[in-house]
Structures are given as C-alpha cells and as structure tokens.
N, C-alpha and C. Protein backbone atom coordinates (compact mmCIF):
# COMPACT_ATOMS: atom_id res chain seq x y z
N MET A 1 -12.85 3.57 -8.21
CA MET A 1 -12.37 2.38 -7.78
C MET A 1 -13.56 2.66 -6.42
N TYR A 2 -13.96 0.76 -6.07
CA TYR A 2 -15.20 1.12 -4.51
C TYR A 2 -14.49 0.37 -3.74
N LEU A 3 -14.47 0.57 -2.65
CA LEU A 3 -14.07 0.60 -1.01
C LEU A 3 -14.86 0.52 -0.31
N THR A 4 -14.79 -0.89 0.44
CA THR A 4 -15.40 -0.95 1.85
C THR A 4 -15.55 -0.03 2.56
N MET A 5 -16.51 0.53 3.58
CA MET A 5 -16.05 0.91 4.93
C MET A 5 -14.78 0.62 4.94
N GLU A 6 -14.38 -0.45 5.75
CA GLU A 6 -13.69 -0.28 5.63
C GLU A 6 -11.82 -0.51 5.58
N GLU A 7 -12.15 -0.32 4.43
CA GLU A 7 -11.19 -0.42 3.17
C GLU A 7 -11.17 1.83 3.01
N GLU A 8 -12.47 2.52 3.01
CA GLU A 8 -11.74 3.37 2.98
C GLU A 8 -11.49 4.56 4.98
N ARG A 9 -11.51 3.34 5.74
CA ARG A 9 -10.75 4.45 7.07
C ARG A 9 -9.06 3.53 6.07
N ILE A 10 -9.00 2.47 6.40
CA ILE A 10 -7.56 2.48 6.19
C ILE A 10 -7.61 3.05 5.08
N TYR A 11 -7.77 3.86 4.37
CA TYR A 11 -7.35 5.41 3.32
C TYR A 11 -7.25 6.38 3.98
N ASP A 12 -8.57 6.00 5.15
CA ASP A 12 -8.16 7.59 5.87
C ASP A 12 -7.16 7.85 6.25
N GLY A 13 -6.57 6.51 6.95
CA GLY A 13 -5.27 6.95 8.23
C GLY A 13 -6.16 6.54 9.04
N GLU A 14 -7.38 5.88 9.56
CA GLU A 14 -7.82 5.43 10.86
C GLU A 14 -6.85 4.23 11.72
N TYR A 15 -6.31 3.01 10.68
CA TYR A 15 -4.88 2.17 11.21
C TYR A 15 -3.26 2.78 11.21
N GLY A 16 -3.33 4.19 10.78
CA GLY A 16 -2.46 4.24 10.71
C GLY A 16 -1.23 4.38 9.33
N TRP A 17 -0.20 5.30 9.93
CA TRP A 17 0.01 5.64 8.33
C TRP A 17 0.41 4.71 7.65
N ALA A 18 1.24 3.29 7.87
CA ALA A 18 1.96 2.22 7.33
C ALA A 18 0.76 1.67 6.22
N LYS A 19 -0.38 1.35 7.12
CA LYS A 19 -1.66 0.47 6.76
C LYS A 19 -2.31 1.87 5.32
N GLN A 20 -2.55 3.13 5.71
CA GLN A 20 -3.06 4.22 4.76
C GLN A 20 -2.42 4.47 3.92
N VAL A 21 -0.62 3.97 3.18
CA VAL A 21 0.21 4.78 2.86
C VAL A 21 -0.29 3.26 1.17
N CYS A 22 -0.33 2.05 2.27
CA CYS A 22 0.15 0.30 1.29
C CYS A 22 -2.00 1.02 0.25
N MET A 23 -3.33 1.08 1.22
CA MET A 23 -4.11 1.44 0.63
C MET A 23 -4.02 2.24 -0.21
N ARG A 24 -3.70 3.26 -0.01
CA ARG A 24 -4.24 4.34 -1.52
C ARG A 24 -2.81 4.03 -1.46
N ILE A 25 -1.44 3.67 -1.81
CA ILE A 25 -1.07 2.41 -3.21
C ILE A 25 -1.73 2.17 -4.01
N LEU A 26 -2.40 0.61 -3.28
CA LEU A 26 -3.74 -0.27 -4.41
C LEU A 26 -4.81 0.47 -4.81
N ALA A 27 -5.12 2.06 -3.99
CA ALA A 27 -6.56 2.30 -4.84
C ALA A 27 -5.75 2.95 -6.21
N LYS A 28 -4.54 3.60 -6.10
CA LYS A 28 -4.08 4.18 -7.05
C LYS A 28 -3.76 3.32 -7.83
N LEU A 29 -3.66 2.33 -7.76
CA LEU A 29 -3.05 1.31 -8.75
C LEU A 29 -4.88 0.35 -9.73
N GLY A 30 -5.38 0.57 -8.65
CA GLY A 30 -6.74 -0.38 -8.97
C GLY A 30 -7.55 0.80 -9.52
N ASP A 31 -7.31 2.34 -9.96
CA ASP A 31 -7.80 3.51 -10.73
C ASP A 31 -6.84 2.86 -12.16
N LEU A 32 -5.72 3.07 -12.17
CA LEU A 32 -4.95 3.05 -13.59
C LEU A 32 -5.45 1.88 -13.86
N PHE A 33 -5.00 0.63 -13.04
CA PHE A 33 -5.55 -0.87 -14.16
C PHE A 33 -7.35 -0.87 -14.58
N GLY A 34 -8.22 0.08 -13.75
CA GLY A 34 -9.04 0.18 -13.75
C GLY A 34 -10.56 -1.01 -12.71
N ALA A 35 -9.13 -1.63 -11.84
CA ALA A 35 -10.24 -2.22 -11.28
C ALA A 35 -11.50 -1.74 -10.61
N GLU A 36 -12.43 -2.36 -10.37
CA GLU A 36 -13.86 -2.18 -9.70
C GLU A 36 -13.52 -2.30 -8.66
N LYS A 37 -13.23 -3.68 -7.67
CA LYS A 37 -12.96 -3.48 -6.16
C LYS A 37 -11.11 -4.39 -5.53
N LEU A 38 -11.28 -4.01 -4.02
CA LEU A 38 -9.78 -4.92 -3.95
C LEU A 38 -10.10 -6.33 -3.90
N ILE A 39 -9.19 -7.17 -3.69
CA ILE A 39 -10.30 -8.88 -3.56
C ILE A 39 -9.10 -9.43 -2.24
N PRO A 40 -9.77 -10.24 -1.67
CA PRO A 40 -8.76 -10.68 -0.84
C PRO A 40 -7.60 -11.72 -1.05
N ILE A 41 -6.90 -11.22 -0.43
CA ILE A 41 -5.00 -12.10 -0.35
C ILE A 41 -4.90 -12.25 0.74
N ASP A 42 -4.03 -14.11 1.12
CA ASP A 42 -3.17 -14.32 2.25
C ASP A 42 -1.78 -14.14 1.87
N SER A 43 -1.27 -13.71 1.21
CA SER A 43 -0.27 -12.74 1.26
C SER A 43 0.49 -12.02 0.32
N ALA A 44 1.82 -10.77 0.66
CA ALA A 44 1.57 -10.12 -1.24
C ALA A 44 3.26 -9.89 -0.66
N HIS A 45 3.34 -9.16 -1.59
CA HIS A 45 5.50 -8.98 -1.31
C HIS A 45 5.47 -7.54 -2.37
N ALA A 46 6.43 -7.00 -2.06
CA ALA A 46 6.94 -4.96 -2.19
C ALA A 46 8.33 -5.88 -3.47
N SER A 47 7.53 -6.18 -4.50
CA SER A 47 8.47 -6.04 -5.71
C SER A 47 9.38 -4.89 -6.17
N GLY A 48 10.12 -5.32 -6.84
CA GLY A 48 11.36 -3.89 -7.28
C GLY A 48 12.06 -3.36 -5.92
N VAL A 49 11.26 -3.74 -5.11
CA VAL A 49 11.96 -2.84 -3.55
C VAL A 49 13.53 -3.36 -2.88
N SER A 50 14.59 -2.73 -3.85
CA SER A 50 16.02 -3.21 -3.99
C SER A 50 17.15 -2.34 -3.82
N TYR A 51 18.14 -2.93 -3.56
CA TYR A 51 18.69 -1.88 -2.54
C TYR A 51 19.92 -1.94 -4.30
N LYS A 52 19.73 -2.80 -4.32
CA LYS A 52 20.74 -2.47 -5.92
C LYS A 52 20.15 -1.70 -7.02
N THR A 53 19.07 -1.25 -6.36
CA THR A 53 18.28 -0.72 -7.86
C THR A 53 17.91 0.75 -7.18
N LEU A 54 17.59 1.16 -6.19
CA LEU A 54 17.41 2.51 -5.93
C LEU A 54 17.83 3.14 -5.08
N GLY A 55 18.66 2.03 -3.90
CA GLY A 55 19.55 3.48 -3.13
C GLY A 55 19.15 2.57 -1.99
N GLU A 56 19.07 3.73 -1.36
CA GLU A 56 18.44 4.30 0.82
C GLU A 56 16.70 4.53 -0.29
N ALA A 57 16.51 4.57 -0.40
CA ALA A 57 14.87 5.49 -0.06
C ALA A 57 14.27 4.69 -0.17
N PRO A 58 14.47 3.12 -0.93
CA PRO A 58 12.61 1.96 -0.38
C PRO A 58 13.45 1.93 1.30
N ILE A 59 14.76 1.44 1.60
CA ILE A 59 15.20 1.35 2.35
C ILE A 59 14.36 1.92 3.77
N ASP A 60 14.77 3.33 3.55
CA ASP A 60 13.63 4.26 4.51
C ASP A 60 12.94 3.96 3.95
N PHE A 61 12.04 3.74 3.47
CA PHE A 61 10.78 3.10 3.68
C PHE A 61 9.91 2.51 3.47
N LEU A 62 11.05 1.56 4.10
CA LEU A 62 10.26 -0.11 4.47
C LEU A 62 10.69 0.14 5.64
N ARG A 63 11.64 0.45 6.49
CA ARG A 63 11.93 0.59 7.99
C ARG A 63 10.63 1.59 8.19
N ALA A 64 10.92 3.13 7.42
CA ALA A 64 9.72 3.33 8.11
C ALA A 64 7.87 2.81 7.91
N LEU A 65 7.79 1.70 7.07
CA LEU A 65 6.27 0.66 7.65
C LEU A 65 6.27 -0.21 8.43
N ALA A 66 7.83 -0.61 8.79
CA ALA A 66 8.45 -1.66 9.79
C ALA A 66 8.02 -1.03 11.61
N ASP A 67 8.26 0.34 11.68
CA ASP A 67 8.45 0.77 12.13
C ASP A 67 6.99 1.27 12.99
N SER A 68 6.08 1.78 12.37
CA SER A 68 4.51 2.34 12.22
C SER A 68 3.66 1.41 12.67
C-alpha cells in the first residue's frame, strides 16, 4: 500500500509510539484488503475493544495509547 512521506514518518515512529502503532495497524489492514492508499477521515472508533469480551489487554493498550 502506498504511504505518503508523512505517513511513512508516522509508520517509522517519528511522531511517537501511539501514532506508529495505529499507522502500522492501518497499513497492515490496507495490505490485507488490497487498499491502494489511505484516505482522509474526520474521526475513528476503536471497534471491538471491550473489557467484557477481551479483559484487561485492550484496557492496558488503550491506556498506553492515551498516555503517549
């Protein structure tokens, strides 16, 4: 999947761990679904991140994202 220079810098971690993790997830999903590039969005939702279904793991991950 094509990434702009800015997206590559995010992917490489130049803007911190949280943005890097998110960009790597998006890039992997883009590759899996055959996306050509990312598109601009106004907002996003972390779907499936529920304490009831996944326990502490997603909570710790979200705390780490919020703290970075």
